[in-house]
PDB file of N, CA and C in Angstrom:
ATOM      1  N   MET A   1       0.843  -1.169   0.000  1.00  0.00           N
ATOM      2  CA  MET A   1       0.000   0.000   0.000  1.00  0.00           C
ATOM      3  C   MET A   1       0.894   1.241   0.000  1.00  0.00           C
ATOM      4  N   GLY A   2       0.615   2.179  -0.877  1.00  0.00           N
ATOM      5  CA  GLY A   2       1.430   3.373  -0.988  1.00  0.00           C
ATOM      6  C   GLY A   2       0.938   4.488  -0.087  1.00  0.00           C
ATOM      7  N   THR A   3       1.815   5.437   0.112  1.00  0.00           N
ATOM      8  CA  THR A   3       1.441   6.602   0.907  1.00  0.00           C
ATOM      9  C   THR A   3       1.632   7.847   0.074  1.00  0.00           C
ATOM     10  N   LYS A   4       0.900   8.863   0.382  1.00  0.00           N
ATOM     11  CA  LYS A   4       0.982  10.134  -0.331  1.00  0.00           C
ATOM     12  C   LYS A   4       1.201  11.234   0.699  1.00  0.00           C
ATOM     13  N   THR A   5       2.219  12.058   0.467  1.00  0.00           N
ATOM     14  CA  THR A   5       2.520  13.152   1.383  1.00  0.00           C
ATOM     15  C   THR A   5       2.075  14.465   0.743  1.00  0.00           C
ATOM     16  N   ILE A   6       1.304  15.218   1.451  1.00  0.00           N
ATOM     17  CA  ILE A   6       0.832  16.521   0.971  1.00  0.00           C
ATOM     18  C   ILE A   6       1.450  17.589   1.859  1.00  0.00           C
ATOM     19  N   THR A   7       2.161  18.541   1.233  1.00  0.00           N
ATOM     20  CA  THR A   7       2.753  19.642   1.975  1.00  0.00           C
ATOM     21  C   THR A   7       1.842  20.852   1.840  1.00  0.00           C
ATOM     22  N   MET A   8       1.456  21.404   2.966  1.00  0.00           N
ATOM     23  CA  MET A   8       0.566  22.553   2.974  1.00  0.00           C
ATOM     24  C   MET A   8       1.170  23.612   3.886  1.00  0.00           C
ATOM     25  N   TYR A   9       1.298  24.826   3.369  1.00  0.00           N
ATOM     26  CA  TYR A   9       1.814  25.921   4.172  1.00  0.00           C
ATOM     27  C   TYR A   9       0.657  26.641   4.850  1.00  0.00           C
ATOM     28  N   VAL A  10       0.849  26.932   6.132  1.00  0.00           N
ATOM     29  CA  VAL A  10      -0.136  27.681   6.905  1.00  0.00           C
ATOM     30  C   VAL A  10       0.583  28.880   7.509  1.00  0.00           C
ATOM     31  N   SER A  11      -0.017  30.050   7.383  1.00  0.00           N
ATOM     32  CA  SER A  11       0.592  31.269   7.898  1.00  0.00           C
ATOM     33  C   SER A  11       0.715  31.198   9.415  1.00  0.00           C
ATOM     34  N   ASP A  12       1.876  31.582   9.933  1.00  0.00           N
ATOM     35  CA  ASP A  12       2.096  31.588  11.373  1.00  0.00           C
ATOM     36  C   ASP A  12       1.421  32.772  12.056  1.00  0.00           C
ATOM     37  N   LEU A  13       0.970  33.758  11.292  1.00  0.00           N
ATOM     38  CA  LEU A  13       0.330  34.926  11.886  1.00  0.00           C
ATOM     39  C   LEU A  13      -1.177  34.758  12.030  1.00  0.00           C
ATOM     40  N   ASP A  14      -1.847  34.320  10.955  1.00  0.00           N
ATOM     41  CA  ASP A  14      -3.306  34.223  11.032  1.00  0.00           C
ATOM     42  C   ASP A  14      -3.839  32.817  10.745  1.00  0.00           C
ATOM     43  N   GLN A  15      -2.989  31.815  10.645  1.00  0.00           N
ATOM     44  CA  GLN A  15      -3.338  30.416  10.432  1.00  0.00           C
ATOM     45  C   GLN A  15      -4.174  30.185   9.165  1.00  0.00           C
ATOM     46  N   SER A  16      -3.990  31.030   8.150  1.00  0.00           N
ATOM     47  CA  SER A  16      -4.670  30.809   6.879  1.00  0.00           C
ATOM     48  C   SER A  16      -3.777  29.966   5.976  1.00  0.00           C
ATOM     49  N   GLU A  17      -4.387  29.215   5.066  1.00  0.00           N
ATOM     50  CA  GLU A  17      -3.628  28.365   4.154  1.00  0.00           C
ATOM     51  C   GLU A  17      -2.953  29.221   3.081  1.00  0.00           C
ATOM     52  N   ILE A  18      -1.699  28.875   2.763  1.00  0.00           N
ATOM     53  CA  ILE A  18      -0.930  29.606   1.757  1.00  0.00           C
ATOM     54  C   ILE A  18      -0.737  28.680   0.563  1.00  0.00           C
ATOM     55  N   PRO A  19      -1.075  29.126  -0.666  1.00  0.00           N
ATOM     56  CA  PRO A  19      -0.864  28.277  -1.843  1.00  0.00           C
ATOM     57  C   PRO A  19       0.620  27.962  -2.032  1.00  0.00           C
ATOM     58  N   GLY A  20       0.902  26.830  -2.674  1.00  0.00           N
ATOM     59  CA  GLY A  20       2.285  26.420  -2.909  1.00  0.00           C
ATOM     60  C   GLY A  20       3.059  27.438  -3.725  1.00  0.00           C
ATOM     61  N   GLY A  21       4.273  27.736  -3.312  1.00  0.00           N
ATOM     62  CA  GLY A  21       5.121  28.700  -4.007  1.00  0.00           C
ATOM     63  C   GLY A  21       4.837  30.146  -3.666  1.00  0.00           C
ATOM     64  N   LYS A  22       3.886  30.413  -2.801  1.00  0.00           N
ATOM     65  CA  LYS A  22       3.515  31.790  -2.449  1.00  0.00           C
ATOM     66  C   LYS A  22       3.828  32.126  -0.990  1.00  0.00           C
ATOM     67  N   ALA A  23       4.549  31.259  -0.312  1.00  0.00           N
ATOM     68  CA  ALA A  23       4.839  31.480   1.108  1.00  0.00           C
ATOM     69  C   ALA A  23       6.129  32.283   1.265  1.00  0.00           C
ATOM     70  N   TYR A  24       6.113  33.249   2.143  1.00  0.00           N
ATOM     71  CA  TYR A  24       7.307  33.998   2.516  1.00  0.00           C
ATOM     72  C   TYR A  24       7.857  33.366   3.788  1.00  0.00           C
ATOM     73  N   GLN A  25       9.174  33.217   3.856  1.00  0.00           N
ATOM     74  CA  GLN A  25       9.800  32.668   5.057  1.00  0.00           C
ATOM     75  C   GLN A  25      10.693  33.739   5.665  1.00  0.00           C
ATOM     76  N   LEU A  26      10.429  34.078   6.904  1.00  0.00           N
ATOM     77  CA  LEU A  26      11.210  35.081   7.621  1.00  0.00           C
ATOM     78  C   LEU A  26      12.047  34.384   8.678  1.00  0.00           C
ATOM     79  N   SER A  27      13.319  34.748   8.764  1.00  0.00           N
ATOM     80  CA  SER A  27      14.172  34.249   9.835  1.00  0.00           C
ATOM     81  C   SER A  27      14.413  35.379  10.813  1.00  0.00           C
ATOM     82  N   ILE A  28      14.114  35.126  12.066  1.00  0.00           N
ATOM     83  CA  ILE A  28      14.261  36.139  13.109  1.00  0.00           C
ATOM     84  C   ILE A  28      15.307  35.648  14.093  1.00  0.00           C
ATOM     85  N   ARG A  29      16.305  36.477  14.350  1.00  0.00           N
ATOM     86  CA  ARG A  29      17.337  36.140  15.336  1.00  0.00           C
ATOM     87  C   ARG A  29      17.054  36.928  16.612  1.00  0.00           C
ATOM     88  N   HIS A  30      16.883  36.213  17.686  1.00  0.00           N
ATOM     89  CA  HIS A  30      16.575  36.825  18.976  1.00  0.00           C
ATOM     90  C   HIS A  30      17.863  37.229  19.697  1.00  0.00           C
ATOM     91  N   PRO A  31      17.777  38.149  20.664  1.00  0.00           N
ATOM     92  CA  PRO A  31      18.975  38.607  21.378  1.00  0.00           C
ATOM     93  C   PRO A  31      19.727  37.480  22.103  1.00  0.00           C
ATOM     94  N   ASP A  32      19.029  36.417  22.467  1.00  0.00           N
ATOM     95  CA  ASP A  32      19.720  35.320  23.160  1.00  0.00           C
ATOM     96  C   ASP A  32      20.432  34.378  22.196  1.00  0.00           C
ATOM     97  N   GLY A  33      20.375  34.661  20.899  1.00  0.00           N
ATOM     98  CA  GLY A  33      21.091  33.869  19.899  1.00  0.00           C
ATOM     99  C   GLY A  33      20.238  32.828  19.212  1.00  0.00           C
ATOM    100  N   SER A  34      19.049  32.583  19.690  1.00  0.00           N
ATOM    101  CA  SER A  34      18.179  31.601  19.043  1.00  0.00           C
ATOM    102  C   SER A  34      17.554  32.220  17.797  1.00  0.00           C
ATOM    103  N   THR A  35      17.160  31.376  16.863  1.00  0.00           N
ATOM    104  CA  THR A  35      16.521  31.851  15.647  1.00  0.00           C
ATOM    105  C   THR A  35      15.147  31.231  15.533  1.00  0.00           C
ATOM    106  N   GLN A  36      14.272  31.936  14.837  1.00  0.00           N
ATOM    107  CA  GLN A  36      12.910  31.485  14.631  1.00  0.00           C
ATOM    108  C   GLN A  36      12.574  31.712  13.169  1.00  0.00           C
ATOM    109  N   GLN A  37      11.935  30.736  12.537  1.00  0.00           N
ATOM    110  CA  GLN A  37      11.553  30.884  11.144  1.00  0.00           C
ATOM    111  C   GLN A  37      10.038  30.912  11.056  1.00  0.00           C
ATOM    112  N   LEU A  38       9.513  31.952  10.396  1.00  0.00           N
ATOM    113  CA  LEU A  38       8.072  32.125  10.250  1.00  0.00           C
ATOM    114  C   LEU A  38       7.679  31.975   8.793  1.00  0.00           C
ATOM    115  N   ASP A  39       6.571  31.292   8.536  1.00  0.00           N
ATOM    116  CA  ASP A  39       5.980  31.210   7.210  1.00  0.00           C
ATOM    117  C   ASP A  39       4.763  32.126   7.208  1.00  0.00           C
ATOM    118  N   ILE A  40       4.752  33.100   6.286  1.00  0.00           N
ATOM    119  CA  ILE A  40       3.622  34.026   6.227  1.00  0.00           C
ATOM    120  C   ILE A  40       3.175  34.175   4.784  1.00  0.00           C
ATOM    121  N   SER A  41       1.956  34.635   4.596  1.00  0.00           N
ATOM    122  CA  SER A  41       1.403  34.830   3.259  1.00  0.00           C
ATOM    123  C   SER A  41       1.849  36.184   2.702  1.00  0.00           C
ATOM    124  N   ALA A  42       1.634  36.369   1.406  1.00  0.00           N
ATOM    125  CA  ALA A  42       2.002  37.631   0.763  1.00  0.00           C
ATOM    126  C   ALA A  42       1.206  38.789   1.349  1.00  0.00           C
ATOM    127  N   GLN A  43      -0.047  38.540   1.689  1.00  0.00           N
ATOM    128  CA  GLN A  43      -0.894  39.588   2.280  1.00  0.00           C
ATOM    129  C   GLN A  43      -0.333  40.038   3.632  1.00  0.00           C
ATOM    130  N   ASN A  44       0.074  39.088   4.461  1.00  0.00           N
ATOM    131  CA  ASN A  44       0.654  39.433   5.765  1.00  0.00           C
ATOM    132  C   ASN A  44       2.003  40.125   5.606  1.00  0.00           C
ATOM    133  N   TYR A  45       2.781  39.705   4.609  1.00  0.00           N
ATOM    134  CA  TYR A  45       4.096  40.312   4.364  1.00  0.00           C
ATOM    135  C   TYR A  45       3.936  41.784   4.003  1.00  0.00           C
ATOM    136  N   LYS A  46       2.979  42.067   3.126  1.00  0.00           N
ATOM    137  CA  LYS A  46       2.747  43.464   2.736  1.00  0.00           C
ATOM    138  C   LYS A  46       2.169  44.269   3.893  1.00  0.00           C
ATOM    139  N   GLY A  47       1.363  43.625   4.733  1.00  0.00           N
ATOM    140  CA  GLY A  47       0.782  44.304   5.887  1.00  0.00           C
ATOM    141  C   GLY A  47       1.818  44.683   6.932  1.00  0.00           C
ATOM    142  N   LEU A  48       2.868  43.894   7.037  1.00  0.00           N
ATOM    143  CA  LEU A  48       3.936  44.201   7.997  1.00  0.00           C
ATOM    144  C   LEU A  48       4.884  45.287   7.493  1.00  0.00           C
ATOM    145  N   LYS A  49       4.806  45.612   6.203  1.00  0.00           N
ATOM    146  CA  LYS A  49       5.643  46.643   5.575  1.00  0.00           C
ATOM    147  C   LYS A  49       7.129  46.353   5.791  1.00  0.00           C
ATOM    148  N   LEU A  50       7.522  45.113   5.509  1.00  0.00           N
ATOM    149  CA  LEU A  50       8.912  44.698   5.670  1.00  0.00           C
ATOM    150  C   LEU A  50       9.723  44.795   4.382  1.00  0.00           C
ATOM    151  N   GLU A  51       9.050  45.059   3.272  1.00  0.00           N
ATOM    152  CA  GLU A  51       9.744  45.081   1.990  1.00  0.00           C
ATOM    153  C   GLU A  51      10.814  46.178   1.981  1.00  0.00           C
ATOM    154  N   GLY A  52      12.020  45.816   1.644  1.00  0.00           N
ATOM    155  CA  GLY A  52      13.127  46.764   1.574  1.00  0.00           C
ATOM    156  C   GLY A  52      13.870  46.954   2.880  1.00  0.00           C
ATOM    157  N   LEU A  53      13.410  46.341   3.964  1.00  0.00           N
ATOM    158  CA  LEU A  53      14.091  46.468   5.256  1.00  0.00           C
ATOM    159  C   LEU A  53      15.088  45.325   5.436  1.00  0.00           C
ATOM    160  N   GLY A  54      16.083  45.546   6.237  1.00  0.00           N
ATOM    161  CA  GLY A  54      17.034  44.493   6.578  1.00  0.00           C
ATOM    162  C   GLY A  54      18.047  44.240   5.483  1.00  0.00           C
ATOM    163  N   LYS A  55      18.811  43.174   5.664  1.00  0.00           N
ATOM    164  CA  LYS A  55      19.848  42.806   4.711  1.00  0.00           C
ATOM    165  C   LYS A  55      19.530  41.443   4.125  1.00  0.00           C
ATOM    166  N   MET A  56      19.888  41.279   2.868  1.00  0.00           N
ATOM    167  CA  MET A  56      19.757  39.975   2.237  1.00  0.00           C
ATOM    168  C   MET A  56      20.955  39.137   2.671  1.00  0.00           C
ATOM    169  N   ALA A  57      20.715  37.928   3.086  1.00  0.00           N
ATOM    170  CA  ALA A  57      21.800  37.031   3.483  1.00  0.00           C
ATOM    171  C   ALA A  57      22.423  36.435   2.235  1.00  0.00           C
ATOM    172  N   LYS A  58      23.747  36.552   2.128  1.00  0.00           N
ATOM    173  CA  LYS A  58      24.443  35.993   0.978  1.00  0.00           C
ATOM    174  C   LYS A  58      24.598  34.497   1.160  1.00  0.00           C
ATOM    175  N   ARG A  59      24.645  33.805   0.039  1.00  0.00           N
ATOM    176  CA  ARG A  59      24.872  32.368   0.101  1.00  0.00           C
ATOM    177  C   ARG A  59      26.314  32.126   0.496  1.00  0.00           C
ATOM    178  N   ARG A  60      26.517  31.111   1.310  1.00  0.00           N
ATOM    179  CA  ARG A  60      27.853  30.827   1.815  1.00  0.00           C
ATOM    180  C   ARG A  60      28.310  29.468   1.324  1.00  0.00           C
ATOM    181  N   GLY A  61      29.614  29.289   1.304  1.00  0.00           N
ATOM    182  CA  GLY A  61      30.174  27.995   0.920  1.00  0.00           C
ATOM    183  C   GLY A  61      30.605  27.974  -0.529  1.00  0.00           C
ATOM    184  N   ARG A  62      31.040  26.807  -0.950  1.00  0.00           N
ATOM    185  CA  ARG A  62      31.507  26.645  -2.321  1.00  0.00           C
ATOM    186  C   ARG A  62      30.334  26.478  -3.275  1.00  0.00           C
ATOM    187  N   LYS A  63      30.574  26.865  -4.518  1.00  0.00           N
ATOM    188  CA  LYS A  63      29.569  26.664  -5.539  1.00  0.00           C
ATOM    189  C   LYS A  63      29.552  25.189  -5.926  1.00  0.00           C
ATOM    190  N   PRO A  64      28.422  24.667  -6.358  1.00  0.00           N
ATOM    191  CA  PRO A  64      28.367  23.267  -6.764  1.00  0.00           C
ATOM    192  C   PRO A  64      29.308  22.991  -7.930  1.00  0.00           C
ATOM    193  N   GLY A  65      30.007  21.879  -7.883  1.00  0.00           N
ATOM    194  CA  GLY A  65      30.927  21.511  -8.950  1.00  0.00           C
ATOM    195  C   GLY A  65      32.343  21.994  -8.733  1.00  0.00           C
ATOM    196  N   SER A  66      32.606  22.718  -7.675  1.00  0.00           N
ATOM    197  CA  SER A  66      33.968  23.203  -7.427  1.00  0.00           C
ATOM    198  C   SER A  66      34.601  22.402  -6.301  1.00  0.00           C
ATOM    199  N   GLY A  67      34.347  21.110  -6.303  1.00  0.00           N
ATOM    200  CA  GLY A  67      34.808  20.248  -5.221  1.00  0.00           C
ATOM    201  C   GLY A  67      36.305  20.033  -5.204  1.00  0.00           C
ATOM    202  N   THR A  68      36.754  19.254  -4.249  1.00  0.00           N
ATOM    203  CA  THR A  68      38.177  19.035  -4.070  1.00  0.00           C
ATOM    204  C   THR A  68      38.749  18.095  -5.119  1.00  0.00           C
ATOM    205  N   ALA A  69      37.931  17.329  -5.816  1.00  0.00           N
ATOM    206  CA  ALA A  69      38.445  16.433  -6.850  1.00  0.00           C
ATOM    207  C   ALA A  69      39.077  17.229  -7.983  1.00  0.00           C
ATOM    208  N   LYS A  70      38.467  18.344  -8.342  1.00  0.00           N
ATOM    209  CA  LYS A  70      39.048  19.184  -9.395  1.00  0.00           C
ATOM    210  C   LYS A  70      40.322  19.851  -8.901  1.00  0.00           C
ATOM    211  N   ALA A  71      40.329  20.245  -7.652  1.00  0.00           N
ATOM    212  CA  ALA A  71      41.504  20.918  -7.104  1.00  0.00           C
ATOM    213  C   ALA A  71      42.686  19.967  -7.031  1.00  0.00           C
ATOM    214  N   ALA A  72      42.443  18.703  -6.732  1.00  0.00           N
ATOM    215  CA  ALA A  72      43.522  17.730  -6.605  1.00  0.00           C
ATOM    216  C   ALA A  72      43.976  17.202  -7.957  1.00  0.00           C
ATOM    217  N   ALA A  73      43.245  17.497  -9.017  1.00  0.00           N
ATOM    218  CA  ALA A  73      43.545  16.921 -10.323  1.00  0.00           C
ATOM    219  C   ALA A  73      44.669  17.650 -11.058  1.00  0.00           C
ATOM    220  N   GLY A  74      45.269  18.640 -10.488  1.00  0.00           N
ATOM    221  CA  GLY A  74      46.383  19.258 -11.199  1.00  0.00           C
ATOM    222  C   GLY A  74      46.385  20.762 -11.148  1.00  0.00           C
ATOM    223  N   THR A  75      46.141  21.352 -10.045  1.00  0.00           N
ATOM    224  CA  THR A  75      46.203  22.806  -9.936  1.00  0.00           C
ATOM    225  C   THR A  75      47.500  23.227  -9.251  1.00  0.00           C
ATOM    226  N   THR A  76      48.573  22.477  -9.530  1.00  0.00           N
ATOM    227  CA  THR A  76      49.852  22.778  -8.895  1.00  0.00           C
ATOM    228  C   THR A  76      50.594  23.885  -9.627  1.00  0.00           C
ATOM    229  N   GLY A  77      50.054  24.342 -10.743  1.00  0.00           N
ATOM    230  CA  GLY A  77      50.700  25.422 -11.469  1.00  0.00           C
ATOM    231  C   GLY A  77      51.590  24.931 -12.600  1.00  0.00           C
ATOM    232  N   THR A  78      51.767  23.635 -12.756  1.00  0.00           N
ATOM    233  CA  THR A  78      52.565  23.105 -13.856  1.00  0.00           C
ATOM    234  C   THR A  78      51.640  22.555 -14.920  1.00  0.00           C
ATOM    235  N   ARG A  79      52.110  22.618 -16.157  1.00  0.00           N
ATOM    236  CA  ARG A  79      51.313  22.115 -17.257  1.00  0.00           C
ATOM    237  C   ARG A  79      51.874  20.788 -17.714  1.00  0.00           C
ATOM    238  N   ARG A  80      51.029  19.930 -18.176  1.00  0.00           N
ATOM    239  CA  ARG A  80      51.480  18.646 -18.700  1.00  0.00           C
ATOM    240  C   ARG A  80      52.036  18.825 -20.090  1.00  0.00           C
ATOM    241  N   ARG A  81      53.052  18.047 -20.405  1.00  0.00           N
ATOM    242  CA  ARG A  81      53.590  18.062 -21.751  1.00  0.00           C
ATOM    243  C   ARG A  81      52.781  17.140 -22.633  1.00  0.00           C
ATOM    244  N   ARG A  82      52.702  17.487 -23.882  1.00  0.00           N
ATOM    245  CA  ARG A  82      52.027  16.610 -24.831  1.00  0.00           C
ATOM    246  C   ARG A  82      52.940  15.443 -25.142  1.00  0.00           C
ATOM    247  N   SER A  83      52.358  14.297 -25.196  1.00  0.00           N
ATOM    248  CA  SER A  83      53.182  13.124 -25.492  1.00  0.00           C
ATOM    249  C   SER A  83      53.509  13.114 -26.976  1.00  0.00           C
ATOM    250  N   ARG A  84      54.708  12.680 -27.283  1.00  0.00           N
ATOM    251  CA  ARG A  84      55.148  12.636 -28.676  1.00  0.00           C
ATOM    252  C   ARG A  84      54.884  11.249 -29.247  1.00  0.00           C
ATOM    253  N   SER A  85      54.595  11.228 -30.517  1.00  0.00           N
ATOM    254  CA  SER A  85      54.379   9.946 -31.174  1.00  0.00           C
ATOM    255  C   SER A  85      55.721   9.281 -31.460  1.00  0.00           C
ATOM    256  N   THR A  86      55.682   8.085 -31.995  1.00  0.00           N
ATOM    257  CA  THR A  86      56.920   7.326 -32.241  1.00  0.00           C
ATOM    258  C   THR A  86      57.787   7.934 -33.322  1.00  0.00           C
ATOM    259  N   ASN A  87      57.215   8.727 -34.253  1.00  0.00           N
ATOM    260  CA  ASN A  87      58.026   9.326 -35.308  1.00  0.00           C
ATOM    261  C   ASN A  87      58.641  10.664 -34.894  1.00  0.00           C
ATOM    262  N   GLY A  88      58.416  11.124 -33.672  1.00  0.00           N
ATOM    263  CA  GLY A  88      59.084  12.313 -33.167  1.00  0.00           C
ATOM    264  C   GLY A  88      58.301  13.599 -33.294  1.00  0.00           C
ATOM    265  N   SER A  89      57.196  13.600 -34.001  1.00  0.00           N
ATOM    266  CA  SER A  89      56.418  14.840 -34.120  1.00  0.00           C
ATOM    267  C   SER A  89      55.471  14.965 -32.929  1.00  0.00           C
ATOM    268  N   ALA A  90      55.030  16.188 -32.702  1.00  0.00           N
ATOM    269  CA  ALA A  90      54.147  16.433 -31.556  1.00  0.00           C
ATOM    270  C   ALA A  90      52.736  15.945 -31.834  1.00  0.00           C
ATOM    271  N   LYS A  91      52.343  15.926 -33.092  1.00  0.00           N
ATOM    272  CA  LYS A  91      50.994  15.489 -33.435  1.00  0.00           C
ATOM    273  C   LYS A  91      51.003  13.982 -33.690  1.00  0.00           C
ATOM    274  N   PRO A  92      49.920  13.314 -33.375  1.00  0.00           N
ATOM    275  CA  PRO A  92      49.870  11.887 -33.691  1.00  0.00           C
ATOM    276  C   PRO A  92      49.828  11.653 -35.185  1.00  0.00           C
ATOM    277  N   ALA A  93      50.323  10.538 -35.606  1.00  0.00           N
ATOM    278  CA  ALA A  93      50.403  10.228 -37.030  1.00  0.00           C
ATOM    279  C   ALA A  93      48.999  10.052 -37.584  1.00  0.00           C
ATOM    280  N   ALA A  94      48.791  10.582 -38.804  1.00  0.00           N
ATOM    281  CA  ALA A  94      47.495  10.465 -39.468  1.00  0.00           C
ATOM    282  C   ALA A  94      47.320   9.055 -39.979  1.00  0.00           C
ATOM    283  N   SER A  95      46.120   8.542 -39.856  1.00  0.00           N
ATOM    284  CA  SER A  95      45.913   7.173 -40.346  1.00  0.00           C
ATOM    285  C   SER A  95      44.922   7.143 -41.460  1.00  0.00           C
TER     286      SER A  95
END
């Protein structure tokens, strides 16, 4: 028997249902160092007049795909030499 999971956002201010993709998430840092995350609707967001206030948090950490495997693969500052073919030229022999 299968199960189905339904995700539904409910506003933390007025307990109204928020359609998918329309929820605003606010992170609040309290003076004691704890943080609280609130989900609110667009109507509540505009009612609080928060637009344009505060700072946008920058993304932190490495970008995807810039892992240590690429760094270990040869970023020592030296370039590899091209291998020479048996006839002595730098290009492989045409066949």
